[in-house]
Amino acid sequence: MKLYQSPTSPFARKVIVLLKETGQTDDVELVGAAGTPLNADNMPTAHNPLGKIPALEREDGPALFDSRVICQFLDARAGGVLYPAAPRRWDCLTLEAMADGIVDAAILMVYEARIRPADIQMEAWVEGQWRKVSRALDAIESSWGSYLAGPLDMGQIALGCALSYLDFRHKDRDWRAGHTGLAAWERAIAARDSMKATVPVE
């Protein structure tokens, strides 16, 4: 199998962390890909017509995307390690969706600065995206502490990757302010070998 990915993509990082946590790294070749909504020439459009990563090329079926589909496929292949059984499963999937939403908003902030011409950039749009991030962080800080204290699962991995991405692209926003419990949890998950081996780099 081949995973089309970028070392700066938190969505691809989720998948690679899963591969490491489930012992499947030797089964998947990592293939570099990069692009933007304005230039998808170097993206795996033959495997994902949306021109987004990650995309997983399989030997026995069509390519899989997006990251949540790929993660569930690879986890099932490993025997169901990181997606727990119900009822915890629904919390895991919700946390993963919230983490992915944090990343979506954070990436839109990056695109606004990097892709849109300076004279038509919207500060209000950027701040609106950050408010989504802030609301999610507040909700996790106030309501998800006991869940985060439980066994490692894909929701937690997705959240760890999302928080790391905030450090990577939006360090000046200081997401840890007012989120002391979440910050302490992030330090712990960031210390895992799978997370240390996949820290995003330019």
N, C-alpha and C. Protein backbone atom coordinates (compact mmCIF):
# COMPACT_ATOMS: atom_id res chain seq x y z
N MET A 1 0.84 -1.19 0.00
CA MET A 1 0.00 0.00 0.00
C MET A 1 0.88 1.24 0.00
N LYS A 2 0.32 2.33 -0.51
CA LYS A 2 1.03 3.60 -0.54
C LYS A 2 0.16 4.68 0.09
N LEU A 3 0.77 5.47 0.97
CA LEU A 3 0.08 6.58 1.61
C LEU A 3 0.65 7.88 1.06
N TYR A 4 -0.17 8.63 0.35
CA TYR A 4 0.23 9.93 -0.15
C TYR A 4 0.04 10.94 0.97
N GLN A 5 1.12 11.63 1.31
CA GLN A 5 1.11 12.43 2.53
C GLN A 5 2.15 13.53 2.46
N SER A 6 2.10 14.43 3.45
CA SER A 6 3.10 15.47 3.62
C SER A 6 3.46 15.53 5.09
N PRO A 7 4.74 15.78 5.42
CA PRO A 7 5.13 15.84 6.83
C PRO A 7 4.55 17.03 7.58
N THR A 8 3.94 17.97 6.86
CA THR A 8 3.31 19.11 7.53
C THR A 8 1.80 18.93 7.70
N SER A 9 1.25 17.87 7.15
CA SER A 9 -0.20 17.66 7.21
C SER A 9 -0.61 16.95 8.50
N PRO A 10 -1.41 17.59 9.34
CA PRO A 10 -1.87 16.91 10.56
C PRO A 10 -2.81 15.75 10.26
N PHE A 11 -3.50 15.81 9.13
CA PHE A 11 -4.38 14.70 8.76
C PHE A 11 -3.55 13.48 8.37
N ALA A 12 -2.49 13.69 7.61
CA ALA A 12 -1.60 12.58 7.29
C ALA A 12 -0.87 12.08 8.53
N ARG A 13 -0.51 12.99 9.40
CA ARG A 13 0.20 12.59 10.62
C ARG A 13 -0.64 11.63 11.45
N LYS A 14 -1.93 11.89 11.55
CA LYS A 14 -2.83 10.97 12.27
C LYS A 14 -2.67 9.54 11.78
N VAL A 15 -2.64 9.39 10.47
CA VAL A 15 -2.55 8.06 9.88
C VAL A 15 -1.20 7.42 10.21
N ILE A 16 -0.15 8.21 10.10
CA ILE A 16 1.19 7.67 10.35
C ILE A 16 1.36 7.30 11.82
N VAL A 17 0.80 8.09 12.71
CA VAL A 17 0.83 7.72 14.13
C VAL A 17 0.10 6.41 14.35
N LEU A 18 -1.06 6.26 13.72
CA LEU A 18 -1.79 4.99 13.82
C LEU A 18 -0.93 3.83 13.32
N LEU A 19 -0.25 4.01 12.19
CA LEU A 19 0.61 2.94 11.67
C LEU A 19 1.67 2.55 12.69
N LYS A 20 2.24 3.53 13.34
CA LYS A 20 3.28 3.25 14.33
C LYS A 20 2.69 2.58 15.56
N GLU A 21 1.55 3.04 16.02
CA GLU A 21 0.93 2.48 17.22
C GLU A 21 0.43 1.06 17.00
N THR A 22 0.10 0.71 15.77
CA THR A 22 -0.44 -0.62 15.49
C THR A 22 0.56 -1.55 14.79
N GLY A 23 1.80 -1.10 14.64
CA GLY A 23 2.82 -1.95 14.06
C GLY A 23 2.67 -2.23 12.59
N GLN A 24 2.17 -1.25 11.83
CA GLN A 24 1.94 -1.46 10.40
C GLN A 24 2.84 -0.61 9.51
N THR A 25 3.88 -0.01 10.07
CA THR A 25 4.69 0.91 9.26
C THR A 25 5.37 0.22 8.08
N ASP A 26 5.72 -1.04 8.24
CA ASP A 26 6.39 -1.75 7.14
C ASP A 26 5.44 -2.13 6.01
N ASP A 27 4.15 -2.00 6.25
CA ASP A 27 3.15 -2.39 5.25
C ASP A 27 2.73 -1.25 4.33
N VAL A 28 3.15 -0.04 4.65
CA VAL A 28 2.68 1.13 3.91
C VAL A 28 3.87 2.00 3.52
N GLU A 29 4.01 2.25 2.22
CA GLU A 29 5.05 3.14 1.72
C GLU A 29 4.55 4.58 1.77
N LEU A 30 5.36 5.48 2.31
CA LEU A 30 4.99 6.89 2.37
C LEU A 30 5.47 7.58 1.10
N VAL A 31 4.54 8.27 0.43
CA VAL A 31 4.83 8.97 -0.81
C VAL A 31 4.53 10.45 -0.60
N GLY A 32 5.53 11.29 -0.86
CA GLY A 32 5.36 12.72 -0.64
C GLY A 32 4.39 13.35 -1.63
N ALA A 33 3.60 14.26 -1.14
CA ALA A 33 2.66 15.01 -1.99
C ALA A 33 2.42 16.37 -1.33
N ALA A 34 2.23 17.39 -2.14
CA ALA A 34 2.00 18.73 -1.61
C ALA A 34 1.23 19.54 -2.63
N GLY A 35 0.47 20.51 -2.13
CA GLY A 35 -0.29 21.37 -3.03
C GLY A 35 -1.24 22.26 -2.26
N THR A 36 -2.02 23.02 -2.98
CA THR A 36 -3.02 23.90 -2.39
C THR A 36 -4.29 23.80 -3.24
N PRO A 37 -5.40 24.39 -2.78
CA PRO A 37 -6.61 24.39 -3.61
C PRO A 37 -6.40 25.08 -4.96
N LEU A 38 -5.38 25.93 -5.06
CA LEU A 38 -5.12 26.61 -6.33
C LEU A 38 -4.15 25.86 -7.23
N ASN A 39 -3.44 24.90 -6.66
CA ASN A 39 -2.47 24.14 -7.45
C ASN A 39 -2.37 22.72 -6.91
N ALA A 40 -3.09 21.82 -7.55
CA ALA A 40 -3.10 20.41 -7.12
C ALA A 40 -2.25 19.53 -8.03
N ASP A 41 -1.33 20.15 -8.79
CA ASP A 41 -0.55 19.39 -9.77
C ASP A 41 0.27 18.27 -9.14
N ASN A 42 0.73 18.48 -7.91
CA ASN A 42 1.56 17.48 -7.24
C ASN A 42 0.78 16.68 -6.21
N MET A 43 -0.53 16.74 -6.28
CA MET A 43 -1.37 15.99 -5.36
C MET A 43 -1.84 14.70 -6.06
N PRO A 44 -2.24 13.70 -5.26
CA PRO A 44 -2.63 12.40 -5.84
C PRO A 44 -4.04 12.40 -6.40
N THR A 45 -4.29 13.23 -7.41
CA THR A 45 -5.65 13.37 -7.92
C THR A 45 -6.15 12.09 -8.59
N ALA A 46 -5.24 11.22 -9.02
CA ALA A 46 -5.68 9.95 -9.60
C ALA A 46 -6.27 9.04 -8.53
N HIS A 47 -5.92 9.29 -7.28
CA HIS A 47 -6.40 8.47 -6.17
C HIS A 47 -7.46 9.19 -5.33
N ASN A 48 -7.40 10.50 -5.33
CA ASN A 48 -8.43 11.31 -4.68
C ASN A 48 -8.72 12.50 -5.58
N PRO A 49 -9.81 12.46 -6.32
CA PRO A 49 -10.11 13.54 -7.27
C PRO A 49 -10.29 14.90 -6.61
N LEU A 50 -10.47 14.91 -5.29
CA LEU A 50 -10.58 16.18 -4.57
C LEU A 50 -9.22 16.86 -4.44
N GLY A 51 -8.15 16.12 -4.74
CA GLY A 51 -6.82 16.70 -4.68
C GLY A 51 -6.35 16.99 -3.27
N LYS A 52 -6.69 16.10 -2.35
CA LYS A 52 -6.33 16.30 -0.94
C LYS A 52 -5.57 15.07 -0.43
N ILE A 53 -4.79 15.30 0.63
CA ILE A 53 -4.10 14.22 1.31
C ILE A 53 -4.60 14.16 2.74
N PRO A 54 -4.47 12.97 3.34
CA PRO A 54 -3.86 11.74 2.82
C PRO A 54 -4.81 10.97 1.90
N ALA A 55 -4.19 10.14 1.08
CA ALA A 55 -4.92 9.16 0.27
C ALA A 55 -4.15 7.85 0.35
N LEU A 56 -4.87 6.76 0.51
CA LEU A 56 -4.25 5.44 0.66
C LEU A 56 -4.53 4.60 -0.56
N GLU A 57 -3.48 4.29 -1.31
CA GLU A 57 -3.59 3.41 -2.48
C GLU A 57 -3.49 1.96 -2.00
N ARG A 58 -4.53 1.19 -2.33
CA ARG A 58 -4.55 -0.22 -1.91
C ARG A 58 -4.23 -1.13 -3.09
N GLU A 59 -3.86 -2.37 -2.77
CA GLU A 59 -3.58 -3.34 -3.81
C GLU A 59 -4.84 -4.05 -4.28
N ASP A 60 -5.89 -4.04 -3.47
CA ASP A 60 -7.07 -4.85 -3.76
C ASP A 60 -8.37 -4.04 -3.76
N GLY A 61 -8.29 -2.78 -4.14
CA GLY A 61 -9.49 -1.98 -4.18
C GLY A 61 -9.16 -0.53 -4.48
N PRO A 62 -10.18 0.31 -4.63
CA PRO A 62 -9.93 1.72 -4.91
C PRO A 62 -9.25 2.40 -3.74
N ALA A 63 -8.60 3.51 -4.03
CA ALA A 63 -7.93 4.26 -2.97
C ALA A 63 -8.94 4.78 -1.95
N LEU A 64 -8.46 4.95 -0.74
CA LEU A 64 -9.30 5.42 0.36
C LEU A 64 -8.92 6.85 0.74
N PHE A 65 -9.91 7.64 1.10
CA PHE A 65 -9.73 8.98 1.66
C PHE A 65 -11.06 9.32 2.31
N ASP A 66 -11.17 10.24 3.28
CA ASP A 66 -10.13 11.06 3.85
C ASP A 66 -9.46 10.37 5.04
N SER A 67 -8.86 11.14 5.93
CA SER A 67 -8.07 10.54 7.01
C SER A 67 -8.91 9.65 7.92
N ARG A 68 -10.16 10.03 8.18
CA ARG A 68 -10.98 9.21 9.10
C ARG A 68 -11.32 7.86 8.48
N VAL A 69 -11.54 7.84 7.18
CA VAL A 69 -11.80 6.56 6.50
C VAL A 69 -10.54 5.70 6.52
N ILE A 70 -9.41 6.31 6.19
CA ILE A 70 -8.15 5.57 6.18
C ILE A 70 -7.83 5.02 7.57
N CYS A 71 -8.02 5.83 8.58
CA CYS A 71 -7.70 5.38 9.95
C CYS A 71 -8.59 4.21 10.36
N GLN A 72 -9.87 4.27 10.04
CA GLN A 72 -10.74 3.15 10.42
C GLN A 72 -10.37 1.88 9.64
N PHE A 73 -10.01 2.04 8.38
CA PHE A 73 -9.60 0.88 7.59
C PHE A 73 -8.34 0.23 8.18
N LEU A 74 -7.33 1.05 8.46
CA LEU A 74 -6.07 0.50 8.96
C LEU A 74 -6.22 -0.05 10.37
N ASP A 75 -7.06 0.59 11.17
CA ASP A 75 -7.30 0.07 12.52
C ASP A 75 -8.01 -1.28 12.46
N ALA A 76 -8.99 -1.41 11.58
CA ALA A 76 -9.67 -2.70 11.42
C ALA A 76 -8.69 -3.76 10.95
N ARG A 77 -7.79 -3.37 10.07
CA ARG A 77 -6.77 -4.29 9.57
C ARG A 77 -5.87 -4.80 10.70
N ALA A 78 -5.68 -3.95 11.72
CA ALA A 78 -4.84 -4.31 12.86
C ALA A 78 -5.61 -5.02 13.96
N GLY A 79 -6.91 -5.23 13.75
CA GLY A 79 -7.70 -5.94 14.75
C GLY A 79 -8.53 -5.06 15.64
N GLY A 80 -8.69 -3.79 15.29
CA GLY A 80 -9.54 -2.90 16.08
C GLY A 80 -8.89 -2.46 17.36
N VAL A 81 -7.77 -1.75 17.25
CA VAL A 81 -6.98 -1.35 18.41
C VAL A 81 -7.36 0.04 18.92
N LEU A 82 -7.60 0.97 18.01
CA LEU A 82 -7.72 2.38 18.40
C LEU A 82 -9.12 2.96 18.25
N TYR A 83 -10.07 2.17 17.77
CA TYR A 83 -11.47 2.57 17.78
C TYR A 83 -12.20 1.63 18.72
N PRO A 84 -12.54 2.09 19.91
CA PRO A 84 -13.14 1.20 20.92
C PRO A 84 -14.55 0.79 20.55
N ALA A 85 -15.04 -0.20 21.26
CA ALA A 85 -16.41 -0.65 21.08
C ALA A 85 -17.38 0.37 21.66
N ALA A 86 -18.63 0.33 21.22
CA ALA A 86 -19.68 1.18 21.78
C ALA A 86 -19.86 0.82 23.26
N PRO A 87 -20.21 1.79 24.11
CA PRO A 87 -20.59 3.17 23.76
C PRO A 87 -19.42 4.14 23.63
N ARG A 88 -18.21 3.76 24.10
CA ARG A 88 -17.08 4.68 24.04
C ARG A 88 -16.74 5.06 22.59
N ARG A 89 -17.07 4.17 21.66
CA ARG A 89 -16.75 4.43 20.25
C ARG A 89 -17.33 5.76 19.78
N TRP A 90 -18.56 6.07 20.20
CA TRP A 90 -19.19 7.30 19.71
C TRP A 90 -18.48 8.52 20.25
N ASP A 91 -17.98 8.45 21.48
CA ASP A 91 -17.18 9.56 22.01
C ASP A 91 -15.88 9.69 21.25
N CYS A 92 -15.25 8.56 20.93
CA CYS A 92 -14.01 8.57 20.17
C CYS A 92 -14.21 9.24 18.82
N LEU A 93 -15.26 8.86 18.12
CA LEU A 93 -15.52 9.44 16.80
C LEU A 93 -15.85 10.92 16.89
N THR A 94 -16.58 11.32 17.94
CA THR A 94 -16.91 12.73 18.11
C THR A 94 -15.67 13.55 18.40
N LEU A 95 -14.79 13.03 19.27
CA LEU A 95 -13.55 13.75 19.57
C LEU A 95 -12.67 13.84 18.33
N GLU A 96 -12.62 12.78 17.54
CA GLU A 96 -11.83 12.82 16.31
C GLU A 96 -12.40 13.89 15.36
N ALA A 97 -13.72 13.95 15.25
CA ALA A 97 -14.35 14.96 14.39
C ALA A 97 -14.06 16.37 14.90
N MET A 98 -14.08 16.56 16.22
CA MET A 98 -13.80 17.88 16.77
C MET A 98 -12.34 18.27 16.51
N ALA A 99 -11.43 17.32 16.70
CA ALA A 99 -10.02 17.59 16.42
C ALA A 99 -9.81 17.94 14.95
N ASP A 100 -10.45 17.19 14.07
CA ASP A 100 -10.32 17.48 12.63
C ASP A 100 -10.91 18.84 12.30
N GLY A 101 -11.97 19.23 13.00
CA GLY A 101 -12.56 20.55 12.78
C GLY A 101 -11.62 21.66 13.23
N ILE A 102 -10.89 21.43 14.31
CA ILE A 102 -9.88 22.40 14.74
C ILE A 102 -8.85 22.58 13.64
N VAL A 103 -8.40 21.47 13.08
CA VAL A 103 -7.40 21.53 12.01
C VAL A 103 -7.97 22.22 10.77
N ASP A 104 -9.19 21.91 10.40
CA ASP A 104 -9.80 22.56 9.24
C ASP A 104 -9.76 24.08 9.39
N ALA A 105 -10.18 24.57 10.56
CA ALA A 105 -10.21 26.01 10.80
C ALA A 105 -8.80 26.59 10.77
N ALA A 106 -7.85 25.88 11.38
CA ALA A 106 -6.48 26.36 11.43
C ALA A 106 -5.85 26.42 10.04
N ILE A 107 -6.16 25.46 9.20
CA ILE A 107 -5.63 25.47 7.83
C ILE A 107 -6.26 26.61 7.02
N LEU A 108 -7.54 26.86 7.20
CA LEU A 108 -8.17 27.97 6.48
C LEU A 108 -7.51 29.30 6.87
N MET A 109 -7.09 29.43 8.10
CA MET A 109 -6.37 30.63 8.53
C MET A 109 -5.05 30.75 7.78
N VAL A 110 -4.35 29.65 7.62
CA VAL A 110 -3.08 29.65 6.89
C VAL A 110 -3.33 30.02 5.42
N TYR A 111 -4.33 29.42 4.81
CA TYR A 111 -4.63 29.71 3.40
C TYR A 111 -4.97 31.18 3.19
N GLU A 112 -5.70 31.76 4.14
CA GLU A 112 -6.07 33.17 3.98
C GLU A 112 -4.83 34.05 3.88
N ALA A 113 -3.81 33.74 4.67
CA ALA A 113 -2.59 34.54 4.66
C ALA A 113 -1.68 34.20 3.49
N ARG A 114 -1.64 32.94 3.09
CA ARG A 114 -0.67 32.50 2.09
C ARG A 114 -1.17 32.57 0.66
N ILE A 115 -2.47 32.39 0.47
CA ILE A 115 -2.99 32.25 -0.89
C ILE A 115 -3.77 33.48 -1.34
N ARG A 116 -4.57 34.05 -0.46
CA ARG A 116 -5.38 35.20 -0.87
C ARG A 116 -4.50 36.45 -0.96
N PRO A 117 -4.61 37.24 -2.01
CA PRO A 117 -3.84 38.48 -2.10
C PRO A 117 -4.07 39.37 -0.89
N ALA A 118 -3.01 40.07 -0.48
CA ALA A 118 -3.06 40.83 0.77
C ALA A 118 -4.19 41.86 0.78
N ASP A 119 -4.49 42.45 -0.37
CA ASP A 119 -5.48 43.53 -0.40
C ASP A 119 -6.91 43.04 -0.24
N ILE A 120 -7.13 41.71 -0.32
CA ILE A 120 -8.49 41.20 -0.13
C ILE A 120 -8.57 40.17 1.00
N GLN A 121 -7.54 40.10 1.80
CA GLN A 121 -7.61 39.22 2.96
C GLN A 121 -8.60 39.77 3.98
N MET A 122 -9.30 38.85 4.67
CA MET A 122 -10.33 39.26 5.63
C MET A 122 -9.92 38.86 7.04
N GLU A 123 -9.58 39.85 7.82
CA GLU A 123 -9.21 39.59 9.21
C GLU A 123 -10.40 39.00 9.97
N ALA A 124 -11.60 39.45 9.64
CA ALA A 124 -12.79 38.93 10.31
C ALA A 124 -12.96 37.44 10.04
N TRP A 125 -12.63 37.01 8.83
CA TRP A 125 -12.69 35.59 8.48
C TRP A 125 -11.69 34.80 9.32
N VAL A 126 -10.48 35.31 9.42
CA VAL A 126 -9.44 34.64 10.20
C VAL A 126 -9.89 34.52 11.66
N GLU A 127 -10.39 35.59 12.21
CA GLU A 127 -10.81 35.56 13.62
C GLU A 127 -12.02 34.64 13.82
N GLY A 128 -12.88 34.59 12.81
CA GLY A 128 -14.01 33.66 12.90
C GLY A 128 -13.55 32.22 12.94
N GLN A 129 -12.53 31.90 12.18
CA GLN A 129 -11.97 30.54 12.23
C GLN A 129 -11.35 30.27 13.60
N TRP A 130 -10.64 31.25 14.13
CA TRP A 130 -10.02 31.04 15.44
C TRP A 130 -11.08 30.88 16.54
N ARG A 131 -12.21 31.55 16.40
CA ARG A 131 -13.28 31.36 17.39
C ARG A 131 -13.78 29.92 17.39
N LYS A 132 -13.82 29.29 16.22
CA LYS A 132 -14.18 27.87 16.18
C LYS A 132 -13.18 27.05 17.00
N VAL A 133 -11.90 27.33 16.78
CA VAL A 133 -10.86 26.62 17.53
C VAL A 133 -11.03 26.86 19.02
N SER A 134 -11.22 28.10 19.41
CA SER A 134 -11.34 28.44 20.83
C SER A 134 -12.54 27.76 21.48
N ARG A 135 -13.68 27.74 20.78
CA ARG A 135 -14.85 27.08 21.34
C ARG A 135 -14.60 25.59 21.54
N ALA A 136 -13.92 24.97 20.57
CA ALA A 136 -13.62 23.55 20.70
C ALA A 136 -12.67 23.30 21.86
N LEU A 137 -11.64 24.12 21.99
CA LEU A 137 -10.70 23.95 23.09
C LEU A 137 -11.39 24.14 24.44
N ASP A 138 -12.27 25.13 24.53
CA ASP A 138 -13.02 25.35 25.77
C ASP A 138 -13.88 24.15 26.11
N ALA A 139 -14.53 23.58 25.10
CA ALA A 139 -15.40 22.43 25.33
C ALA A 139 -14.59 21.22 25.80
N ILE A 140 -13.45 21.00 25.18
CA ILE A 140 -12.61 19.86 25.57
C ILE A 140 -12.08 20.06 26.98
N GLU A 141 -11.63 21.27 27.28
CA GLU A 141 -11.11 21.57 28.62
C GLU A 141 -12.16 21.33 29.70
N SER A 142 -13.40 21.73 29.42
CA SER A 142 -14.44 21.67 30.45
C SER A 142 -15.14 20.32 30.55
N SER A 143 -15.18 19.56 29.45
CA SER A 143 -16.06 18.38 29.44
C SER A 143 -15.39 17.06 29.07
N TRP A 144 -14.15 17.08 28.63
CA TRP A 144 -13.54 15.86 28.11
C TRP A 144 -12.39 15.32 28.95
N GLY A 145 -12.18 15.90 30.13
CA GLY A 145 -11.03 15.50 30.94
C GLY A 145 -11.04 14.03 31.31
N SER A 146 -12.18 13.52 31.74
CA SER A 146 -12.23 12.11 32.15
C SER A 146 -12.03 11.19 30.95
N TYR A 147 -12.53 11.59 29.80
CA TYR A 147 -12.32 10.77 28.60
C TYR A 147 -10.85 10.73 28.22
N LEU A 148 -10.20 11.88 28.26
CA LEU A 148 -8.78 11.94 27.90
C LEU A 148 -7.91 11.15 28.86
N ALA A 149 -8.41 10.93 30.07
CA ALA A 149 -7.65 10.13 31.05
C ALA A 149 -7.76 8.63 30.77
N GLY A 150 -8.62 8.26 29.82
CA GLY A 150 -8.82 6.85 29.51
C GLY A 150 -7.79 6.32 28.54
N PRO A 151 -8.00 5.10 28.06
CA PRO A 151 -7.03 4.45 27.16
C PRO A 151 -6.86 5.23 25.85
N LEU A 152 -5.67 5.14 25.29
CA LEU A 152 -5.38 5.81 24.03
C LEU A 152 -6.31 5.30 22.94
N ASP A 153 -6.86 6.24 22.16
CA ASP A 153 -7.67 5.87 21.01
C ASP A 153 -7.47 6.90 19.90
N MET A 154 -8.18 6.71 18.81
CA MET A 154 -7.97 7.57 17.65
C MET A 154 -8.43 8.98 17.88
N GLY A 155 -9.44 9.18 18.70
CA GLY A 155 -9.86 10.53 19.03
C GLY A 155 -8.75 11.29 19.73
N GLN A 156 -8.07 10.62 20.65
CA GLN A 156 -6.97 11.27 21.36
C GLN A 156 -5.79 11.55 20.42
N ILE A 157 -5.48 10.61 19.55
CA ILE A 157 -4.39 10.82 18.59
C ILE A 157 -4.71 12.02 17.70
N ALA A 158 -5.93 12.10 17.20
CA ALA A 158 -6.33 13.22 16.35
C ALA A 158 -6.20 14.54 17.10
N LEU A 159 -6.60 14.55 18.37
CA LEU A 159 -6.50 15.77 19.16
C LEU A 159 -5.04 16.15 19.38
N GLY A 160 -4.20 15.16 19.70
CA GLY A 160 -2.78 15.45 19.87
C GLY A 160 -2.18 16.06 18.62
N CYS A 161 -2.54 15.53 17.45
CA CYS A 161 -2.03 16.07 16.19
C CYS A 161 -2.57 17.48 15.92
N ALA A 162 -3.82 17.72 16.29
CA ALA A 162 -4.42 19.04 16.09
C ALA A 162 -3.73 20.09 16.96
N LEU A 163 -3.50 19.76 18.21
CA LEU A 163 -2.85 20.71 19.11
C LEU A 163 -1.42 21.00 18.67
N SER A 164 -0.73 19.98 18.22
CA SER A 164 0.62 20.17 17.70
C SER A 164 0.60 21.08 16.47
N TYR A 165 -0.41 20.95 15.64
CA TYR A 165 -0.52 21.81 14.45
C TYR A 165 -0.74 23.26 14.86
N LEU A 166 -1.50 23.49 15.92
CA LEU A 166 -1.67 24.86 16.41
C LEU A 166 -0.33 25.45 16.83
N ASP A 167 0.50 24.64 17.48
CA ASP A 167 1.84 25.11 17.83
C ASP A 167 2.67 25.38 16.58
N PHE A 168 2.52 24.54 15.58
CA PHE A 168 3.31 24.61 14.36
C PHE A 168 2.97 25.84 13.53
N ARG A 169 1.69 26.12 13.36
CA ARG A 169 1.27 27.20 12.46
C ARG A 169 0.74 28.46 13.16
N HIS A 170 0.31 28.31 14.42
CA HIS A 170 -0.33 29.45 15.10
C HIS A 170 0.19 29.60 16.53
N LYS A 171 1.50 29.49 16.68
CA LYS A 171 2.10 29.53 18.01
C LYS A 171 1.78 30.83 18.74
N ASP A 172 1.68 31.92 18.00
CA ASP A 172 1.42 33.22 18.63
C ASP A 172 0.04 33.28 19.27
N ARG A 173 -0.83 32.37 18.93
CA ARG A 173 -2.19 32.39 19.50
C ARG A 173 -2.23 31.81 20.92
N ASP A 174 -1.20 31.06 21.31
CA ASP A 174 -1.07 30.51 22.67
C ASP A 174 -2.34 29.78 23.11
N TRP A 175 -2.63 28.67 22.43
CA TRP A 175 -3.85 27.93 22.75
C TRP A 175 -3.88 27.42 24.18
N ARG A 176 -2.71 27.30 24.82
CA ARG A 176 -2.66 26.77 26.19
C ARG A 176 -3.25 27.71 27.23
N ALA A 177 -3.30 28.99 26.93
CA ALA A 177 -3.84 29.97 27.88
C ALA A 177 -5.30 29.63 28.19
N GLY A 178 -5.58 29.42 29.45
CA GLY A 178 -6.94 29.07 29.86
C GLY A 178 -7.29 27.61 29.68
N HIS A 179 -6.34 26.81 29.26
CA HIS A 179 -6.59 25.37 29.03
C HIS A 179 -5.49 24.55 29.70
N THR A 180 -5.37 24.73 31.00
CA THR A 180 -4.25 24.10 31.73
C THR A 180 -4.36 22.58 31.74
N GLY A 181 -5.56 22.06 31.88
CA GLY A 181 -5.74 20.61 31.89
C GLY A 181 -5.40 20.01 30.54
N LEU A 182 -5.86 20.65 29.49
CA LEU A 182 -5.59 20.17 28.14
C LEU A 182 -4.10 20.27 27.81
N ALA A 183 -3.48 21.35 28.28
CA ALA A 183 -2.04 21.52 28.04
C ALA A 183 -1.24 20.42 28.72
N ALA A 184 -1.64 20.05 29.95
CA ALA A 184 -0.95 18.96 30.65
C ALA A 184 -1.14 17.64 29.92
N TRP A 185 -2.34 17.40 29.42
CA TRP A 185 -2.60 16.17 28.67
C TRP A 185 -1.77 16.15 27.39
N GLU A 186 -1.67 17.30 26.72
CA GLU A 186 -0.91 17.36 25.46
C GLU A 186 0.56 17.03 25.70
N ARG A 187 1.12 17.49 26.80
CA ARG A 187 2.52 17.17 27.10
C ARG A 187 2.72 15.67 27.21
N ALA A 188 1.75 14.99 27.79
CA ALA A 188 1.86 13.54 27.97
C ALA A 188 1.77 12.80 26.64
N ILE A 189 0.80 13.16 25.82
CA ILE A 189 0.67 12.42 24.55
C ILE A 189 1.81 12.77 23.61
N ALA A 190 2.32 14.00 23.68
CA ALA A 190 3.43 14.40 22.81
C ALA A 190 4.70 13.62 23.13
N ALA A 191 4.77 13.02 24.32
CA ALA A 191 5.95 12.26 24.72
C ALA A 191 5.95 10.83 24.19
N ARG A 192 4.84 10.40 23.58
CA ARG A 192 4.81 9.05 23.02
C ARG A 192 5.77 8.96 21.84
N ASP A 193 6.39 7.80 21.67
CA ASP A 193 7.35 7.63 20.59
C ASP A 193 6.73 7.92 19.23
N SER A 194 5.48 7.50 19.03
CA SER A 194 4.82 7.70 17.74
C SER A 194 4.62 9.18 17.43
N MET A 195 4.40 9.97 18.47
CA MET A 195 4.20 11.40 18.27
C MET A 195 5.54 12.11 18.09
N LYS A 196 6.54 11.72 18.86
CA LYS A 196 7.86 12.34 18.72
C LYS A 196 8.46 12.09 17.34
N ALA A 197 8.15 10.93 16.77
CA ALA A 197 8.72 10.57 15.46
C ALA A 197 8.01 11.27 14.30
N THR A 198 6.90 11.95 14.57
CA THR A 198 6.11 12.53 13.48
C THR A 198 5.86 14.03 13.66
N VAL A 199 6.67 14.69 14.46
CA VAL A 199 6.51 16.13 14.66
C VAL A 199 6.63 16.83 13.31
N PRO A 200 5.71 17.73 12.97
CA PRO A 200 5.73 18.35 11.64
C PRO A 200 6.97 19.22 11.44
N VAL A 201 7.53 19.14 10.23
CA VAL A 201 8.68 19.95 9.86
C VAL A 201 8.45 20.51 8.47
N GLU A 202 9.02 21.65 8.20
CA GLU A 202 8.91 22.26 6.87
C GLU A 202 9.78 21.50 5.88
